[in-house]
């Protein structure tokens, strides 16, 4: 099965048994996660599209790892003003393993 879920204001394509990298999900390693905002489901040839969400469906997963992503560099520059600033950060990422995609009906 294939699904598109909404989490933290973003959309992610997921499949059973695959890993998904989400932006800073709240929780600890080993926690169960349930996504009830499913936008689209595909099971073989059958496709369900939500308005805006598919009712009675949910995606279950487990937090595998909490880590930081790649470093993002931000460089600010103004010509002829001797103004240069180089800053950056590393975004927090949660790796979630999708265990089950459920559909009622």
PDB file of N, CA and C in Angstrom:
ATOM      1  N   UNK A   1       0.835  -1.192   0.000  1.00  0.00           N
ATOM      2  CA  UNK A   1       0.000   0.000   0.000  1.00  0.00           C
ATOM      3  C   UNK A   1       0.874   1.247   0.000  1.00  0.00           C
ATOM      4  N   UNK A   2       0.335   2.286  -0.581  1.00  0.00           N
ATOM      5  CA  UNK A   2       1.003   3.567  -0.682  1.00  0.00           C
ATOM      6  C   UNK A   2       0.057   4.627  -0.158  1.00  0.00           C
ATOM      7  N   UNK A   3       0.599   5.629   0.541  1.00  0.00           N
ATOM      8  CA  UNK A   3      -0.230   6.705   1.062  1.00  0.00           C
ATOM      9  C   UNK A   3       0.549   8.014   1.045  1.00  0.00           C
ATOM     10  N   UNK A   4      -0.197   9.109   1.055  1.00  0.00           N
ATOM     11  CA  UNK A   4       0.390  10.427   1.236  1.00  0.00           C
ATOM     12  C   UNK A   4      -0.222  10.996   2.505  1.00  0.00           C
ATOM     13  N   UNK A   5       0.641  11.336   3.472  1.00  0.00           N
ATOM     14  CA  UNK A   5       0.176  11.842   4.762  1.00  0.00           C
ATOM     15  C   UNK A   5       0.583  13.299   4.917  1.00  0.00           C
ATOM     16  N   UNK A   6      -0.091  13.964   5.854  1.00  0.00           N
ATOM     17  CA  UNK A   6       0.266  15.331   6.195  1.00  0.00           C
ATOM     18  C   UNK A   6       0.760  15.346   7.627  1.00  0.00           C
ATOM     19  N   UNK A   7       1.956  15.892   7.826  1.00  0.00           N
ATOM     20  CA  UNK A   7       2.535  15.998   9.166  1.00  0.00           C
ATOM     21  C   UNK A   7       3.361  17.278   9.228  1.00  0.00           C
ATOM     22  N   UNK A   8       3.190  18.040  10.286  1.00  0.00           N
ATOM     23  CA  UNK A   8       3.909  19.301  10.489  1.00  0.00           C
ATOM     24  C   UNK A   8       3.695  20.283   9.334  1.00  0.00           C
ATOM     25  N   UNK A   9       2.517  20.249   8.704  1.00  0.00           N
ATOM     26  CA  UNK A   9       2.211  21.166   7.628  1.00  0.00           C
ATOM     27  C   UNK A   9       2.829  20.796   6.293  1.00  0.00           C
ATOM     28  N   UNK A  10       3.423  19.613   6.184  1.00  0.00           N
ATOM     29  CA  UNK A  10       4.031  19.162   4.935  1.00  0.00           C
ATOM     30  C   UNK A  10       3.434  17.819   4.534  1.00  0.00           C
ATOM     31  N   UNK A  11       3.579  17.468   3.270  1.00  0.00           N
ATOM     32  CA  UNK A  11       3.052  16.201   2.762  1.00  0.00           C
ATOM     33  C   UNK A  11       4.207  15.245   2.490  1.00  0.00           C
ATOM     34  N   UNK A  12       4.019  13.970   2.891  1.00  0.00           N
ATOM     35  CA  UNK A  12       5.053  12.958   2.739  1.00  0.00           C
ATOM     36  C   UNK A  12       4.468  11.700   2.103  1.00  0.00           C
ATOM     37  N   UNK A  13       5.123  11.149   1.070  1.00  0.00           N
ATOM     38  CA  UNK A  13       4.704   9.856   0.534  1.00  0.00           C
ATOM     39  C   UNK A  13       5.280   8.739   1.402  1.00  0.00           C
ATOM     40  N   UNK A  14       4.456   7.746   1.757  1.00  0.00           N
ATOM     41  CA  UNK A  14       4.900   6.660   2.631  1.00  0.00           C
ATOM     42  C   UNK A  14       4.453   5.313   2.068  1.00  0.00           C
ATOM     43  N   UNK A  15       5.201   4.267   2.406  1.00  0.00           N
ATOM     44  CA  UNK A  15       4.857   2.886   2.089  1.00  0.00           C
ATOM     45  C   UNK A  15       5.158   2.044   3.316  1.00  0.00           C
ATOM     46  N   UNK A  16       4.482   0.911   3.425  1.00  0.00           N
ATOM     47  CA  UNK A  16       4.716   0.028   4.559  1.00  0.00           C
ATOM     48  C   UNK A  16       6.135  -0.517   4.508  1.00  0.00           C
ATOM     49  N   UNK A  17       6.809  -0.499   5.666  1.00  0.00           N
ATOM     50  CA  UNK A  17       8.159  -1.031   5.770  1.00  0.00           C
ATOM     51  C   UNK A  17       9.265  -0.060   5.392  1.00  0.00           C
ATOM     52  N   UNK A  18       8.925   1.148   4.934  1.00  0.00           N
ATOM     53  CA  UNK A  18       9.930   2.129   4.519  1.00  0.00           C
ATOM     54  C   UNK A  18      10.181   3.146   5.628  1.00  0.00           C
ATOM     55  N   UNK A  19      11.322   3.836   5.535  1.00  0.00           N
ATOM     56  CA  UNK A  19      11.667   4.899   6.469  1.00  0.00           C
ATOM     57  C   UNK A  19      11.280   6.249   5.877  1.00  0.00           C
ATOM     58  N   UNK A  20      10.801   7.145   6.759  1.00  0.00           N
ATOM     59  CA  UNK A  20      10.431   8.487   6.359  1.00  0.00           C
ATOM     60  C   UNK A  20      11.151   9.463   7.279  1.00  0.00           C
ATOM     61  N   UNK A  21      11.774  10.493   6.717  1.00  0.00           N
ATOM     62  CA  UNK A  21      12.458  11.515   7.507  1.00  0.00           C
ATOM     63  C   UNK A  21      11.533  12.713   7.662  1.00  0.00           C
ATOM     64  N   UNK A  22      11.061  12.952   8.895  1.00  0.00           N
ATOM     65  CA  UNK A  22      10.163  14.068   9.193  1.00  0.00           C
ATOM     66  C   UNK A  22      10.918  15.153   9.941  1.00  0.00           C
ATOM     67  N   UNK A  23      10.462  16.380   9.790  1.00  0.00           N
ATOM     68  CA  UNK A  23      11.067  17.493  10.512  1.00  0.00           C
ATOM     69  C   UNK A  23      10.669  17.450  11.976  1.00  0.00           C
ATOM     70  N   UNK A  24      11.642  17.313  12.847  1.00  0.00           N
ATOM     71  CA  UNK A  24      11.532  17.413  14.309  1.00  0.00           C
ATOM     72  C   UNK A  24      10.199  16.947  14.887  1.00  0.00           C
ATOM     73  N   UNK A  25       9.920  15.671  14.775  1.00  0.00           N
ATOM     74  CA  UNK A  25       8.712  15.099  15.352  1.00  0.00           C
ATOM     75  C   UNK A  25       8.871  14.996  16.864  1.00  0.00           C
ATOM     76  N   UNK A  26       7.826  15.286  17.619  1.00  0.00           N
ATOM     77  CA  UNK A  26       7.888  15.229  19.070  1.00  0.00           C
ATOM     78  C   UNK A  26       7.812  13.773  19.515  1.00  0.00           C
ATOM     79  N   UNK A  27       8.715  13.367  20.379  1.00  0.00           N
ATOM     80  CA  UNK A  27       8.714  11.996  20.867  1.00  0.00           C
ATOM     81  C   UNK A  27      10.121  11.500  21.120  1.00  0.00           C
ATOM     82  N   UNK A  28      10.200  10.276  21.583  1.00  0.00           N
ATOM     83  CA  UNK A  28      11.472   9.639  21.881  1.00  0.00           C
ATOM     84  C   UNK A  28      11.665   8.439  20.973  1.00  0.00           C
ATOM     85  N   UNK A  29      12.866   7.902  20.978  1.00  0.00           N
ATOM     86  CA  UNK A  29      13.167   6.720  20.183  1.00  0.00           C
ATOM     87  C   UNK A  29      12.325   5.552  20.688  1.00  0.00           C
ATOM     88  N   UNK A  30      11.650   4.860  19.775  1.00  0.00           N
ATOM     89  CA  UNK A  30      10.816   3.721  20.129  1.00  0.00           C
ATOM     90  C   UNK A  30       9.348   4.055  20.326  1.00  0.00           C
ATOM     91  N   UNK A  31       8.972   5.319  20.307  1.00  0.00           N
ATOM     92  CA  UNK A  31       7.571   5.725  20.480  1.00  0.00           C
ATOM     93  C   UNK A  31       6.739   5.344  19.259  1.00  0.00           C
ATOM     94  N   UNK A  32       5.471   5.005  19.512  1.00  0.00           N
ATOM     95  CA  UNK A  32       4.515   4.737  18.445  1.00  0.00           C
ATOM     96  C   UNK A  32       3.937   6.069  17.955  1.00  0.00           C
ATOM     97  N   UNK A  33       3.777   6.191  16.646  1.00  0.00           N
ATOM     98  CA  UNK A  33       3.249   7.405  16.039  1.00  0.00           C
ATOM     99  C   UNK A  33       2.067   7.020  15.150  1.00  0.00           C
ATOM    100  N   UNK A  34       0.974   7.787  15.235  1.00  0.00           N
ATOM    101  CA  UNK A  34      -0.206   7.537  14.402  1.00  0.00           C
ATOM    102  C   UNK A  34      -0.519   8.812  13.627  1.00  0.00           C
ATOM    103  N   UNK A  35      -0.586   8.682  12.305  1.00  0.00           N
ATOM    104  CA  UNK A  35      -0.951   9.793  11.433  1.00  0.00           C
ATOM    105  C   UNK A  35      -2.374   9.549  10.948  1.00  0.00           C
ATOM    106  N   UNK A  36      -3.293  10.445  11.302  1.00  0.00           N
ATOM    107  CA  UNK A  36      -4.685  10.297  10.891  1.00  0.00           C
ATOM    108  C   UNK A  36      -5.039  11.216   9.730  1.00  0.00           C
ATOM    109  N   UNK A  37      -4.133  12.094   9.344  1.00  0.00           N
ATOM    110  CA  UNK A  37      -4.380  12.993   8.229  1.00  0.00           C
ATOM    111  C   UNK A  37      -3.796  12.376   6.959  1.00  0.00           C
ATOM    112  N   UNK A  38      -4.562  11.468   6.367  1.00  0.00           N
ATOM    113  CA  UNK A  38      -4.150  10.764   5.153  1.00  0.00           C
ATOM    114  C   UNK A  38      -4.847  11.424   3.968  1.00  0.00           C
ATOM    115  N   UNK A  39      -4.059  11.900   3.016  1.00  0.00           N
ATOM    116  CA  UNK A  39      -4.611  12.614   1.869  1.00  0.00           C
ATOM    117  C   UNK A  39      -4.968  11.692   0.713  1.00  0.00           C
ATOM    118  N   UNK A  40      -4.188  10.608   0.535  1.00  0.00           N
ATOM    119  CA  UNK A  40      -4.402   9.716  -0.594  1.00  0.00           C
ATOM    120  C   UNK A  40      -3.960   8.312  -0.213  1.00  0.00           C
ATOM    121  N   UNK A  41      -4.692   7.312  -0.694  1.00  0.00           N
ATOM    122  CA  UNK A  41      -4.346   5.903  -0.480  1.00  0.00           C
ATOM    123  C   UNK A  41      -4.384   5.164  -1.806  1.00  0.00           C
ATOM    124  N   UNK A  42      -3.425   4.254  -2.009  1.00  0.00           N
ATOM    125  CA  UNK A  42      -3.433   3.414  -3.196  1.00  0.00           C
ATOM    126  C   UNK A  42      -3.172   1.975  -2.772  1.00  0.00           C
ATOM    127  N   UNK A  43      -4.089   1.100  -3.122  1.00  0.00           N
ATOM    128  CA  UNK A  43      -3.953  -0.329  -2.834  1.00  0.00           C
ATOM    129  C   UNK A  43      -4.146  -1.071  -4.149  1.00  0.00           C
ATOM    130  N   UNK A  44      -3.020  -1.361  -4.813  1.00  0.00           N
ATOM    131  CA  UNK A  44      -3.117  -1.996  -6.129  1.00  0.00           C
ATOM    132  C   UNK A  44      -3.680  -1.017  -7.140  1.00  0.00           C
ATOM    133  N   UNK A  45      -4.834  -1.362  -7.719  1.00  0.00           N
ATOM    134  CA  UNK A  45      -5.485  -0.489  -8.694  1.00  0.00           C
ATOM    135  C   UNK A  45      -6.485   0.468  -8.049  1.00  0.00           C
ATOM    136  N   UNK A  46      -6.820   0.242  -6.783  1.00  0.00           N
ATOM    137  CA  UNK A  46      -7.811   1.060  -6.078  1.00  0.00           C
ATOM    138  C   UNK A  46      -7.136   2.298  -5.487  1.00  0.00           C
ATOM    139  N   UNK A  47      -7.679   3.476  -5.819  1.00  0.00           N
ATOM    140  CA  UNK A  47      -7.132   4.738  -5.325  1.00  0.00           C
ATOM    141  C   UNK A  47      -8.236   5.500  -4.607  1.00  0.00           C
ATOM    142  N   UNK A  48      -7.952   5.935  -3.372  1.00  0.00           N
ATOM    143  CA  UNK A  48      -8.886   6.749  -2.586  1.00  0.00           C
ATOM    144  C   UNK A  48      -8.258   8.121  -2.384  1.00  0.00           C
ATOM    145  N   UNK A  49      -9.002   9.161  -2.751  1.00  0.00           N
ATOM    146  CA  UNK A  49      -8.537  10.531  -2.578  1.00  0.00           C
ATOM    147  C   UNK A  49      -9.440  11.198  -1.559  1.00  0.00           C
ATOM    148  N   UNK A  50      -8.853  11.843  -0.563  1.00  0.00           N
ATOM    149  CA  UNK A  50      -9.620  12.483   0.497  1.00  0.00           C
ATOM    150  C   UNK A  50     -10.103  13.864   0.119  1.00  0.00           C
ATOM    151  N   UNK A  51     -11.118  14.322   0.868  1.00  0.00           N
ATOM    152  CA  UNK A  51     -11.676  15.660   0.673  1.00  0.00           C
ATOM    153  C   UNK A  51     -11.761  16.367   2.010  1.00  0.00           C
ATOM    154  N   UNK A  52     -10.769  16.874   2.626  1.00  0.00           N
ATOM    155  CA  UNK A  52      -9.357  16.835   2.266  1.00  0.00           C
ATOM    156  C   UNK A  52      -8.641  15.559   2.742  1.00  0.00           C
ATOM    157  N   UNK A  53      -9.237  14.821   3.699  1.00  0.00           N
ATOM    158  CA  UNK A  53      -8.588  13.609   4.211  1.00  0.00           C
ATOM    159  C   UNK A  53      -9.469  12.387   3.941  1.00  0.00           C
ATOM    160  N   UNK A  54      -8.840  11.226   3.826  1.00  0.00           N
ATOM    161  CA  UNK A  54      -9.566   9.971   3.652  1.00  0.00           C
ATOM    162  C   UNK A  54     -10.100   9.563   5.025  1.00  0.00           C
ATOM    163  N   UNK A  55     -11.417   9.462   5.147  1.00  0.00           N
ATOM    164  CA  UNK A  55     -12.026   9.154   6.443  1.00  0.00           C
ATOM    165  C   UNK A  55     -11.809   7.692   6.811  1.00  0.00           C
ATOM    166  N   UNK A  56     -11.560   7.455   8.097  1.00  0.00           N
ATOM    167  CA  UNK A  56     -11.389   6.104   8.608  1.00  0.00           C
ATOM    168  C   UNK A  56     -10.057   5.471   8.261  1.00  0.00           C
ATOM    169  N   UNK A  57      -9.096   6.260   7.865  1.00  0.00           N
ATOM    170  CA  UNK A  57      -7.783   5.700   7.544  1.00  0.00           C
ATOM    171  C   UNK A  57      -6.729   6.298   8.459  1.00  0.00           C
ATOM    172  N   UNK A  58      -5.691   5.510   8.710  1.00  0.00           N
ATOM    173  CA  UNK A  58      -4.576   6.005   9.516  1.00  0.00           C
ATOM    174  C   UNK A  58      -3.320   5.221   9.173  1.00  0.00           C
ATOM    175  N   UNK A  59      -2.194   5.844   9.474  1.00  0.00           N
ATOM    176  CA  UNK A  59      -0.889   5.245   9.220  1.00  0.00           C
ATOM    177  C   UNK A  59      -0.167   5.154  10.548  1.00  0.00           C
ATOM    178  N   UNK A  60       0.317   3.940  10.878  1.00  0.00           N
ATOM    179  CA  UNK A  60       1.028   3.726  12.129  1.00  0.00           C
ATOM    180  C   UNK A  60       2.508   3.552  11.847  1.00  0.00           C
ATOM    181  N   UNK A  61       3.318   4.126  12.736  1.00  0.00           N
ATOM    182  CA  UNK A  61       4.759   4.017  12.584  1.00  0.00           C
ATOM    183  C   UNK A  61       5.448   4.030  13.927  1.00  0.00           C
ATOM    184  N   UNK A  62       6.753   3.893  13.885  1.00  0.00           N
ATOM    185  CA  UNK A  62       7.561   3.880  15.102  1.00  0.00           C
ATOM    186  C   UNK A  62       8.792   4.747  14.876  1.00  0.00           C
ATOM    187  N   UNK A  63       9.131   5.569  15.889  1.00  0.00           N
ATOM    188  CA  UNK A  63      10.306   6.430  15.802  1.00  0.00           C
ATOM    189  C   UNK A  63      11.549   5.556  15.937  1.00  0.00           C
ATOM    190  N   UNK A  64      12.382   5.563  14.895  1.00  0.00           N
ATOM    191  CA  UNK A  64      13.585   4.739  14.869  1.00  0.00           C
ATOM    192  C   UNK A  64      14.793   5.518  15.373  1.00  0.00           C
ATOM    193  N   UNK A  65      14.894   6.795  14.960  1.00  0.00           N
ATOM    194  CA  UNK A  65      16.074   7.574  15.311  1.00  0.00           C
ATOM    195  C   UNK A  65      15.743   9.051  15.313  1.00  0.00           C
ATOM    196  N   UNK A  66      16.339   9.790  16.242  1.00  0.00           N
ATOM    197  CA  UNK A  66      16.266  11.242  16.275  1.00  0.00           C
ATOM    198  C   UNK A  66      17.667  11.755  15.990  1.00  0.00           C
ATOM    199  N   UNK A  67      17.810  12.615  14.977  1.00  0.00           N
ATOM    200  CA  UNK A  67      19.140  13.093  14.616  1.00  0.00           C
ATOM    201  C   UNK A  67      19.040  14.476  14.001  1.00  0.00           C
ATOM    202  N   UNK A  68      20.185  15.013  13.593  1.00  0.00           N
ATOM    203  CA  UNK A  68      20.238  16.299  12.911  1.00  0.00           C
ATOM    204  C   UNK A  68      20.538  16.072  11.441  1.00  0.00           C
ATOM    205  N   UNK A  69      19.983  16.930  10.601  1.00  0.00           N
ATOM    206  CA  UNK A  69      20.194  16.832   9.166  1.00  0.00           C
ATOM    207  C   UNK A  69      21.469  17.530   8.736  1.00  0.00           C
ATOM    208  N   UNK A  70      21.577  17.767   7.435  1.00  0.00           N
ATOM    209  CA  UNK A  70      22.734  18.466   6.886  1.00  0.00           C
ATOM    210  C   UNK A  70      22.775  19.903   7.366  1.00  0.00           C
ATOM    211  N   UNK A  71      23.971  20.477   7.387  1.00  0.00           N
ATOM    212  CA  UNK A  71      24.108  21.866   7.780  1.00  0.00           C
ATOM    213  C   UNK A  71      23.629  22.774   6.647  1.00  0.00           C
ATOM    214  N   UNK A  72      22.779  23.732   6.999  1.00  0.00           N
ATOM    215  CA  UNK A  72      22.269  24.717   6.064  1.00  0.00           C
ATOM    216  C   UNK A  72      23.035  26.017   6.299  1.00  0.00           C
ATOM    217  N   UNK A  73      23.699  26.535   5.276  1.00  0.00           N
ATOM    218  CA  UNK A  73      24.447  27.780   5.406  1.00  0.00           C
ATOM    219  C   UNK A  73      23.632  28.937   4.856  1.00  0.00           C
ATOM    220  N   UNK A  74      23.642  30.047   5.596  1.00  0.00           N
ATOM    221  CA  UNK A  74      22.964  31.271   5.177  1.00  0.00           C
ATOM    222  C   UNK A  74      24.023  32.367   5.138  1.00  0.00           C
ATOM    223  N   UNK A  75      24.194  32.981   3.986  1.00  0.00           N
ATOM    224  CA  UNK A  75      25.192  34.030   3.827  1.00  0.00           C
ATOM    225  C   UNK A  75      24.494  35.314   3.415  1.00  0.00           C
ATOM    226  N   UNK A  76      24.623  36.354   4.237  1.00  0.00           N
ATOM    227  CA  UNK A  76      24.033  37.654   3.943  1.00  0.00           C
ATOM    228  C   UNK A  76      25.148  38.587   3.478  1.00  0.00           C
ATOM    229  N   UNK A  77      24.841  39.378   2.452  1.00  0.00           N
ATOM    230  CA  UNK A  77      25.862  40.227   1.861  1.00  0.00           C
ATOM    231  C   UNK A  77      25.214  41.474   1.288  1.00  0.00           C
ATOM    232  N   UNK A  78      25.836  42.627   1.545  1.00  0.00           N
ATOM    233  CA  UNK A  78      25.389  43.869   0.935  1.00  0.00           C
ATOM    234  C   UNK A  78      26.591  44.497   0.237  1.00  0.00           C
ATOM    235  N   UNK A  79      26.459  44.765  -1.043  1.00  0.00           N
ATOM    236  CA  UNK A  79      27.599  45.316  -1.766  1.00  0.00           C
ATOM    237  C   UNK A  79      27.940  46.735  -1.313  1.00  0.00           C
ATOM    238  N   UNK A  80      29.184  47.054  -1.364  1.00  0.00           N
ATOM    239  CA  UNK A  80      29.717  48.395  -1.047  1.00  0.00           C
ATOM    240  C   UNK A  80      29.453  48.808   0.390  1.00  0.00           C
ATOM    241  N   UNK A  81      29.112  47.892   1.251  1.00  0.00           N
ATOM    242  CA  UNK A  81      28.814  48.274   2.624  1.00  0.00           C
ATOM    243  C   UNK A  81      29.639  47.519   3.650  1.00  0.00           C
ATOM    244  N   UNK A  82      30.511  46.641   3.201  1.00  0.00           N
ATOM    245  CA  UNK A  82      31.334  45.825   4.094  1.00  0.00           C
ATOM    246  C   UNK A  82      30.459  45.067   5.100  1.00  0.00           C
ATOM    247  N   UNK A  83      29.350  44.533   4.613  1.00  0.00           N
ATOM    248  CA  UNK A  83      28.431  43.775   5.459  1.00  0.00           C
ATOM    249  C   UNK A  83      28.381  42.336   4.966  1.00  0.00           C
ATOM    250  N   UNK A  84      28.884  41.434   5.781  1.00  0.00           N
ATOM    251  CA  UNK A  84      28.850  40.002   5.460  1.00  0.00           C
ATOM    252  C   UNK A  84      28.554  39.232   6.739  1.00  0.00           C
ATOM    253  N   UNK A  85      27.594  38.325   6.671  1.00  0.00           N
ATOM    254  CA  UNK A  85      27.256  37.473   7.810  1.00  0.00           C
ATOM    255  C   UNK A  85      27.101  36.046   7.322  1.00  0.00           C
ATOM    256  N   UNK A  86      27.795  35.142   7.948  1.00  0.00           N
ATOM    257  CA  UNK A  86      27.690  33.731   7.597  1.00  0.00           C
ATOM    258  C   UNK A  86      27.180  32.990   8.825  1.00  0.00           C
ATOM    259  N   UNK A  87      25.967  32.463   8.720  1.00  0.00           N
ATOM    260  CA  UNK A  87      25.376  31.707   9.813  1.00  0.00           C
ATOM    261  C   UNK A  87      24.806  30.420   9.245  1.00  0.00           C
ATOM    262  N   UNK A  88      24.459  29.499  10.118  1.00  0.00           N
ATOM    263  CA  UNK A  88      23.871  28.256   9.662  1.00  0.00           C
ATOM    264  C   UNK A  88      23.254  27.495  10.815  1.00  0.00           C
ATOM    265  N   UNK A  89      22.572  26.424  10.479  1.00  0.00           N
ATOM    266  CA  UNK A  89      21.977  25.568  11.500  1.00  0.00           C
ATOM    267  C   UNK A  89      21.779  24.168  10.936  1.00  0.00           C
ATOM    268  N   UNK A  90      21.518  23.234  11.834  1.00  0.00           N
ATOM    269  CA  UNK A  90      21.216  21.857  11.434  1.00  0.00           C
ATOM    270  C   UNK A  90      19.817  21.533  11.926  1.00  0.00           C
ATOM    271  N   UNK A  91      18.930  21.204  11.003  1.00  0.00           N
ATOM    272  CA  UNK A  91      17.529  20.932  11.319  1.00  0.00           C
ATOM    273  C   UNK A  91      17.388  19.583  12.019  1.00  0.00           C
ATOM    274  N   UNK A  92      16.556  19.526  13.038  1.00  0.00           N
ATOM    275  CA  UNK A  92      16.275  18.269  13.732  1.00  0.00           C
ATOM    276  C   UNK A  92      15.390  17.388  12.847  1.00  0.00           C
ATOM    277  N   UNK A  93      15.740  16.098  12.757  1.00  0.00           N
ATOM    278  CA  UNK A  93      15.024  15.153  11.902  1.00  0.00           C
ATOM    279  C   UNK A  93      14.665  13.917  12.715  1.00  0.00           C
ATOM    280  N   UNK A  94      13.481  13.378  12.478  1.00  0.00           N
ATOM    281  CA  UNK A  94      13.058  12.120  13.071  1.00  0.00           C
ATOM    282  C   UNK A  94      12.888  11.090  11.969  1.00  0.00           C
ATOM    283  N   UNK A  95      13.548   9.949  12.089  1.00  0.00           N
ATOM    284  CA  UNK A  95      13.363   8.849  11.157  1.00  0.00           C
ATOM    285  C   UNK A  95      12.261   7.954  11.693  1.00  0.00           C
ATOM    286  N   UNK A  96      11.218   7.761  10.905  1.00  0.00           N
ATOM    287  CA  UNK A  96      10.064   6.971  11.331  1.00  0.00           C
ATOM    288  C   UNK A  96       9.885   5.815  10.360  1.00  0.00           C
ATOM    289  N   UNK A  97       9.766   4.607  10.915  1.00  0.00           N
ATOM    290  CA  UNK A  97       9.507   3.428  10.094  1.00  0.00           C
ATOM    291  C   UNK A  97       8.003   3.213  10.041  1.00  0.00           C
ATOM    292  N   UNK A  98       7.447   3.145   8.838  1.00  0.00           N
ATOM    293  CA  UNK A  98       6.019   2.947   8.641  1.00  0.00           C
ATOM    294  C   UNK A  98       5.727   1.457   8.801  1.00  0.00           C
ATOM    295  N   UNK A  99       4.871   1.123   9.778  1.00  0.00           N
ATOM    296  CA  UNK A  99       4.574  -0.259  10.066  1.00  0.00           C
ATOM    297  C   UNK A  99       3.269  -0.739   9.435  1.00  0.00           C
ATOM    298  N   UNK A 100       2.252   0.130   9.427  1.00  0.00           N
ATOM    299  CA  UNK A 100       0.940  -0.325   8.975  1.00  0.00           C
ATOM    300  C   UNK A 100       0.139   0.840   8.407  1.00  0.00           C
ATOM    301  N   UNK A 101      -0.547   0.571   7.282  1.00  0.00           N
ATOM    302  CA  UNK A 101      -1.479   1.537   6.706  1.00  0.00           C
ATOM    303  C   UNK A 101      -2.863   0.893   6.775  1.00  0.00           C
ATOM    304  N   UNK A 102      -3.781   1.532   7.516  1.00  0.00           N
ATOM    305  CA  UNK A 102      -5.104   0.959   7.744  1.00  0.00           C
ATOM    306  C   UNK A 102      -6.179   1.771   7.030  1.00  0.00           C
ATOM    307  N   UNK A 103      -7.166   1.050   6.502  1.00  0.00           N
ATOM    308  CA  UNK A 103      -8.325   1.665   5.856  1.00  0.00           C
ATOM    309  C   UNK A 103      -9.577   0.956   6.367  1.00  0.00           C
ATOM    310  N   UNK A 104     -10.561   1.743   6.794  1.00  0.00           N
ATOM    311  CA  UNK A 104     -11.845   1.155   7.194  1.00  0.00           C
ATOM    312  C   UNK A 104     -12.780   1.198   5.995  1.00  0.00           C
ATOM    313  N   UNK A 105     -13.406   0.048   5.738  1.00  0.00           N
ATOM    314  CA  UNK A 105     -14.395   0.012   4.661  1.00  0.00           C
ATOM    315  C   UNK A 105     -13.871  -0.383   3.344  1.00  0.00           C
TER     316      UNK A 105
END
